Amino acid sequence: MFSHNKRLQYTVRVSESNPGLANLMLEQFGGPQGELAAACRYFTQALGEDDPGRKDMLFDISTEELSHLEIIGTIVGMLNKGAKGRLAEGVEEEGELYRSITGAGNDSHLTQVLYGGGPALVNSAGVPWTAAYIDSIGEPTADLRSNIAAEARAKIVYERLINLTDDPGVKEALGFLMTREIAHQKSFEKALYAITPNFPPGKLPGDPRFTSVYFRMSKGEPELRGPWNQGGKWDFMPMTQDSAPVGGGDGLATVELSAEEAPVVAQMAARTQSARDGDPLTGAELGMGGEDGLAPDADLVGPDPEGLLRKPLK
């Protein structure tokens, strides 16, 4: 059960209208790294979580993300407030109004005209929000790692937004939201490492012949090594065109067909086989023509008893 408190989680003070900045703020409202995506990701994970402690954490953080969505949406609305009024009331000439709304090359006129200056569930490029942003898979050790990465990406977006404004109130609110991404990342990391073991994700351990092998699949300089592919925990294996397939075998794919399937597959293969001799005339060659207006290399395509291939092209 939810109830709404009319006070924001963090007080927002915007010093002046700025529709261009409002448009950029939509990245954290309806974008892939935004607050709605985070709230939905953690809320749906909480519904399917069996551990009571993690369930409680996910519900808490998902609800806080909705609070952050409210903060971002409020900032967008306040930044758009002046332009919204001018556009709605038509108090300026058309050209001047358009120039003021689209200042600095931003696309905020889209949000102004289509959404009346309110926060829309789109990103800063106008792409509608989609549930495809939610990447949960129902395995805690995988989902928690995904959550950690999501919080890190959101923090980076907030840093970039902070760098785009000199409005002290907006900077302060964005700084709060950015800091909460750090706190959530810490919670998710603690929850992940409270699961023992937590790697590899899932139940199956993997084939020990390959879990500690690093395949060098690229060739050329620079040939750099590091802790990701060297040391006692790694078996470094350069791969070339002449390398034998790993795991044995000849590297060719095979399939066992039933007695009913085998003759049908053979019939299909015979019917669609390409001839390996001759040089069939193509439409491209007919279109190019020859110096004398005849089909080029027409004598290479095989018998032509009626001389059709040697007639001038029209």
Foldseek 3Di string as FASTA:
>chain_A
DDDDDPDAPDDFDFDAADLQLLLQLLCQQQNLLHLQLLLVQLQVLLVLDPDVVSSVLSNVVSVVSVSVNVVSQVVQLRNQVVLLVCVVVVPDDPVVSVCVNCPPNAPSVCCCVVVSSGRANAHSVRHHHDNVSRDDDNFLLVSLVVLLVSLVVSLVSLVVSLVVDPGVRVNVSSVVVSVVSVVSSVVSVVVQVVDPPSPPTDDDNDDVVPPQEDEQADDDPPPDDDPVADDPSHDYHYDDPPDADPPDDRPDDDDDDDPVVVVVVVVVCVVPPDDPDFDADDPVQLVVADPVQARPPLVRRDDDVPCPRGDHRD
